[in-house]
Amino acid sequence: MTVPAYQHELRVYWEDTDAGGVVFYANYLKFMERARTEWLRALGFEQETMRRDEGLMFVVSDTALRYLAPARLDDWLRISVEPVEVGRASLTIDQQVFRGEQLLTQGRIRIGCVDALSLKPSRIPARILQALQPAAALPLPRG
């Protein structure tokens, strides 16, 4: 097992659960989004600053999740963020949600860099690609 590039922890609140008392399936996407946002922040990139100053933002273009076990109210969760593919305009990220050492949910999320006004694909800024290099342990895209 490799060590993830980043891990984020959070508590499950009442608002995260469904009528059965377990985390509503779509909320795992929210948990993963929070972890990715904090991961980028830890790398020195705040998404609002990027949108405001550079006119760029990241959007989710594809998701695939597998649910293995439910999380419940008051559980303490750990969400991993591990980039597996770094392209010129997109990133593919593997994410896992754990309760202790138990894997609850695993996902592969693809995010694209887009122009904030037109929402058309745009190259990921070189400074972000440079910061991702050590985290992803992948070569930078050419061209």
C-alpha atoms as a PDB file:
ATOM      1  CA  MET A   1       0.000   0.000   0.000  1.00  0.00           C
ATOM      2  CA  THR A   2       1.358   3.423  -0.927  1.00  0.00           C
ATOM      3  CA  VAL A   3       0.940   6.446   1.296  1.00  0.00           C
ATOM      4  CA  PRO A   4      -1.682   8.820  -0.150  1.00  0.00           C
ATOM      5  CA  ALA A   5      -0.569  12.277  -1.219  1.00  0.00           C
ATOM      6  CA  TYR A   6      -2.979  13.847   1.283  1.00  0.00           C
ATOM      7  CA  GLN A   7      -5.489  12.864   3.949  1.00  0.00           C
ATOM      8  CA  HIS A   8      -8.372  14.890   5.332  1.00  0.00           C
ATOM      9  CA  GLU A   9     -10.464  13.993   8.373  1.00  0.00           C
ATOM     10  CA  LEU A  10     -14.020  14.893   9.255  1.00  0.00           C
ATOM     11  CA  ARG A  11     -16.907  13.932  11.502  1.00  0.00           C
ATOM     12  CA  VAL A  12     -20.249  12.645  10.196  1.00  0.00           C
ATOM     13  CA  TYR A  13     -23.076  14.960  11.259  1.00  0.00           C
ATOM     14  CA  TRP A  14     -26.820  14.403  11.383  1.00  0.00           C
ATOM     15  CA  GLU A  15     -27.240  16.362   8.132  1.00  0.00           C
ATOM     16  CA  ASP A  16     -24.975  13.837   6.354  1.00  0.00           C
ATOM     17  CA  THR A  17     -27.238  10.874   7.093  1.00  0.00           C
ATOM     18  CA  ASP A  18     -30.406   9.544   5.525  1.00  0.00           C
ATOM     19  CA  ALA A  19     -33.571   8.232   7.161  1.00  0.00           C
ATOM     20  CA  GLY A  20     -31.796   4.939   7.851  1.00  0.00           C
ATOM     21  CA  GLY A  21     -29.133   6.654   9.944  1.00  0.00           C
ATOM     22  CA  VAL A  22     -26.298   6.024   7.494  1.00  0.00           C
ATOM     23  CA  VAL A  23     -24.401   8.530   5.360  1.00  0.00           C
ATOM     24  CA  PHE A  24     -26.447   9.346   2.259  1.00  0.00           C
ATOM     25  CA  TYR A  25     -24.558   7.949  -0.740  1.00  0.00           C
ATOM     26  CA  ALA A  26     -24.145  11.307  -2.537  1.00  0.00           C
ATOM     27  CA  ASN A  27     -22.506  12.868   0.523  1.00  0.00           C
ATOM     28  CA  TYR A  28     -19.369  10.816  -0.065  1.00  0.00           C
ATOM     29  CA  LEU A  29     -18.817  13.026  -3.118  1.00  0.00           C
ATOM     30  CA  LYS A  30     -19.030  16.072  -0.837  1.00  0.00           C
ATOM     31  CA  PHE A  31     -16.515  14.530   1.555  1.00  0.00           C
ATOM     32  CA  MET A  32     -14.171  13.831  -1.351  1.00  0.00           C
ATOM     33  CA  GLU A  33     -14.612  17.381  -2.673  1.00  0.00           C
ATOM     34  CA  ARG A  34     -13.656  18.819   0.716  1.00  0.00           C
ATOM     35  CA  ALA A  35     -10.573  16.612   0.838  1.00  0.00           C
ATOM     36  CA  ARG A  36      -9.485  17.674  -2.677  1.00  0.00           C
ATOM     37  CA  THR A  37     -10.008  21.339  -1.794  1.00  0.00           C
ATOM     38  CA  GLU A  38      -7.913  21.009   1.363  1.00  0.00           C
ATOM     39  CA  TRP A  39      -5.271  19.061  -0.583  1.00  0.00           C
ATOM     40  CA  LEU A  40      -4.946  21.898  -3.112  1.00  0.00           C
ATOM     41  CA  ARG A  41      -4.831  24.410  -0.254  1.00  0.00           C
ATOM     42  CA  ALA A  42      -2.048  22.406   1.417  1.00  0.00           C
ATOM     43  CA  LEU A  43      -0.135  22.644  -1.875  1.00  0.00           C
ATOM     44  CA  GLY A  44      -0.568  26.432  -1.764  1.00  0.00           C
ATOM     45  CA  PHE A  45      -3.476  26.859  -4.187  1.00  0.00           C
ATOM     46  CA  GLU A  46      -6.803  28.290  -3.134  1.00  0.00           C
ATOM     47  CA  GLN A  47      -9.511  27.748  -5.697  1.00  0.00           C
ATOM     48  CA  GLU A  48     -11.246  31.095  -5.192  1.00  0.00           C
ATOM     49  CA  THR A  49      -7.955  32.945  -5.648  1.00  0.00           C
ATOM     50  CA  MET A  50      -7.262  30.954  -8.812  1.00  0.00           C
ATOM     51  CA  ARG A  51     -10.724  31.823 -10.171  1.00  0.00           C
ATOM     52  CA  ARG A  52     -10.496  35.484  -9.236  1.00  0.00           C
ATOM     53  CA  ASP A  53      -6.864  36.162 -10.219  1.00  0.00           C
ATOM     54  CA  GLU A  54      -6.348  33.798 -13.165  1.00  0.00           C
ATOM     55  CA  GLY A  55      -9.880  33.186 -14.423  1.00  0.00           C
ATOM     56  CA  LEU A  56      -9.441  29.419 -13.997  1.00  0.00           C
ATOM     57  CA  MET A  57     -11.214  26.810 -11.950  1.00  0.00           C
ATOM     58  CA  PHE A  58     -11.446  23.061 -11.536  1.00  0.00           C
ATOM     59  CA  VAL A  59     -14.667  21.197 -12.313  1.00  0.00           C
ATOM     60  CA  VAL A  60     -15.531  17.539 -11.901  1.00  0.00           C
ATOM     61  CA  SER A  61     -15.882  15.809 -15.263  1.00  0.00           C
ATOM     62  CA  ASP A  62     -16.187  12.159 -14.243  1.00  0.00           C
ATOM     63  CA  THR A  63     -16.785  10.097 -11.111  1.00  0.00           C
ATOM     64  CA  ALA A  64     -16.831   6.406 -10.298  1.00  0.00           C
ATOM     65  CA  LEU A  65     -17.546   5.299  -6.739  1.00  0.00           C
ATOM     66  CA  ARG A  66     -17.767   1.929  -5.064  1.00  0.00           C
ATOM     67  CA  TYR A  67     -19.519   1.627  -1.719  1.00  0.00           C
ATOM     68  CA  LEU A  68     -18.209  -1.135   0.544  1.00  0.00           C
ATOM     69  CA  ALA A  69     -19.608  -0.352   4.013  1.00  0.00           C
ATOM     70  CA  PRO A  70     -21.735   2.432   5.490  1.00  0.00           C
ATOM     71  CA  ALA A  71     -20.593   5.331   7.635  1.00  0.00           C
ATOM     72  CA  ARG A  72     -22.914   6.440  10.416  1.00  0.00           C
ATOM     73  CA  LEU A  73     -23.662   9.456  12.590  1.00  0.00           C
ATOM     74  CA  ASP A  74     -20.638  10.627  14.643  1.00  0.00           C
ATOM     75  CA  ASP A  75     -18.149   8.439  12.770  1.00  0.00           C
ATOM     76  CA  TRP A  76     -14.710   9.992  12.342  1.00  0.00           C
ATOM     77  CA  LEU A  77     -13.686   9.565   8.702  1.00  0.00           C
ATOM     78  CA  ARG A  78     -10.390   9.883   6.867  1.00  0.00           C
ATOM     79  CA  ILE A  79     -10.475  10.723   3.166  1.00  0.00           C
ATOM     80  CA  SER A  80      -7.384  10.158   1.054  1.00  0.00           C
ATOM     81  CA  VAL A  81      -6.417  12.079  -2.077  1.00  0.00           C
ATOM     82  CA  GLU A  82      -3.941  10.467  -4.443  1.00  0.00           C
ATOM     83  CA  PRO A  83      -3.353  11.848  -7.942  1.00  0.00           C
ATOM     84  CA  VAL A  84      -2.865   9.006 -10.412  1.00  0.00           C
ATOM     85  CA  GLU A  85      -2.807  10.865 -13.722  1.00  0.00           C
ATOM     86  CA  VAL A  86      -1.711  14.412 -14.414  1.00  0.00           C
ATOM     87  CA  GLY A  87      -2.609  15.789 -17.823  1.00  0.00           C
ATOM     88  CA  ARG A  88      -2.351  19.199 -19.451  1.00  0.00           C
ATOM     89  CA  ALA A  89      -5.907  20.176 -18.553  1.00  0.00           C
ATOM     90  CA  SER A  90      -7.120  17.474 -16.165  1.00  0.00           C
ATOM     91  CA  LEU A  91      -6.229  15.388 -13.138  1.00  0.00           C
ATOM     92  CA  THR A  92      -7.415  11.908 -12.263  1.00  0.00           C
ATOM     93  CA  ILE A  93      -7.496  11.336  -8.524  1.00  0.00           C
ATOM     94  CA  ASP A  94      -8.091   8.174  -6.526  1.00  0.00           C
ATOM     95  CA  GLN A  95      -9.900   8.770  -3.257  1.00  0.00           C
ATOM     96  CA  GLN A  96     -10.799   6.486  -0.394  1.00  0.00           C
ATOM     97  CA  VAL A  97     -12.960   6.990   2.680  1.00  0.00           C
ATOM     98  CA  PHE A  98     -11.942   5.121   5.828  1.00  0.00           C
ATOM     99  CA  ARG A  99     -13.356   4.708   9.318  1.00  0.00           C
ATOM    100  CA  GLY A 100     -10.269   3.743  11.266  1.00  0.00           C
ATOM    101  CA  GLU A 101      -8.592   1.167   9.040  1.00  0.00           C
ATOM    102  CA  GLN A 102     -11.861   0.015   7.441  1.00  0.00           C
ATOM    103  CA  LEU A 103     -12.284   1.082   3.816  1.00  0.00           C
ATOM    104  CA  LEU A 104     -15.857   2.314   3.337  1.00  0.00           C
ATOM    105  CA  THR A 105     -15.856   3.908  -0.119  1.00  0.00           C
ATOM    106  CA  GLN A 106     -13.404   4.181  -2.977  1.00  0.00           C
ATOM    107  CA  GLY A 107     -13.607   6.473  -5.947  1.00  0.00           C
ATOM    108  CA  ARG A 108     -11.837   7.754  -9.004  1.00  0.00           C
ATOM    109  CA  ILE A 109     -12.566  11.393  -9.768  1.00  0.00           C
ATOM    110  CA  ARG A 110     -11.470  13.317 -12.832  1.00  0.00           C
ATOM    111  CA  ILE A 111     -11.284  17.083 -12.560  1.00  0.00           C
ATOM    112  CA  GLY A 112     -10.660  19.451 -15.423  1.00  0.00           C
ATOM    113  CA  CYS A 113      -9.226  22.936 -15.470  1.00  0.00           C
ATOM    114  CA  VAL A 114     -11.547  25.345 -17.273  1.00  0.00           C
ATOM    115  CA  ASP A 115     -11.855  29.015 -18.076  1.00  0.00           C
ATOM    116  CA  ALA A 116     -14.110  30.408 -15.343  1.00  0.00           C
ATOM    117  CA  LEU A 117     -16.272  32.398 -17.774  1.00  0.00           C
ATOM    118  CA  SER A 118     -16.595  30.133 -20.811  1.00  0.00           C
ATOM    119  CA  LEU A 119     -16.149  26.812 -18.947  1.00  0.00           C
ATOM    120  CA  LYS A 120     -13.982  25.653 -21.878  1.00  0.00           C
ATOM    121  CA  PRO A 121     -10.959  23.457 -21.089  1.00  0.00           C
ATOM    122  CA  SER A 122      -7.783  25.297 -20.216  1.00  0.00           C
ATOM    123  CA  ARG A 123      -4.261  24.206 -19.386  1.00  0.00           C
ATOM    124  CA  ILE A 124      -3.466  23.677 -15.743  1.00  0.00           C
ATOM    125  CA  PRO A 125      -0.995  26.434 -14.754  1.00  0.00           C
ATOM    126  CA  ALA A 126       2.624  25.268 -14.769  1.00  0.00           C
ATOM    127  CA  ARG A 127       3.088  26.220 -11.102  1.00  0.00           C
ATOM    128  CA  ILE A 128       0.334  23.794 -10.125  1.00  0.00           C
ATOM    129  CA  LEU A 129       1.782  21.038 -12.291  1.00  0.00           C
ATOM    130  CA  GLN A 130       5.164  21.611 -10.654  1.00  0.00           C
ATOM    131  CA  ALA A 131       3.614  21.339  -7.189  1.00  0.00           C
ATOM    132  CA  LEU A 132       1.856  18.115  -8.172  1.00  0.00           C
ATOM    133  CA  GLN A 133       5.013  16.491  -9.467  1.00  0.00           C
ATOM    134  CA  PRO A 134       6.345  15.274  -6.085  1.00  0.00           C
ATOM    135  CA  ALA A 135       2.858  14.392  -4.849  1.00  0.00           C
ATOM    136  CA  ALA A 136       1.903  12.392  -7.903  1.00  0.00           C
ATOM    137  CA  ALA A 137       5.359  10.949  -8.632  1.00  0.00           C
ATOM    138  CA  LEU A 138       4.420  11.143 -12.313  1.00  0.00           C
ATOM    139  CA  PRO A 139       6.192  12.900 -15.178  1.00  0.00           C
ATOM    140  CA  LEU A 140       4.854  16.274 -16.231  1.00  0.00           C
ATOM    141  CA  PRO A 141       2.947  16.373 -19.499  1.00  0.00           C
ATOM    142  CA  ARG A 142       4.896  17.504 -22.535  1.00  0.00           C
ATOM    143  CA  GLY A 143       4.069  20.398 -24.816  1.00  0.00           C
END
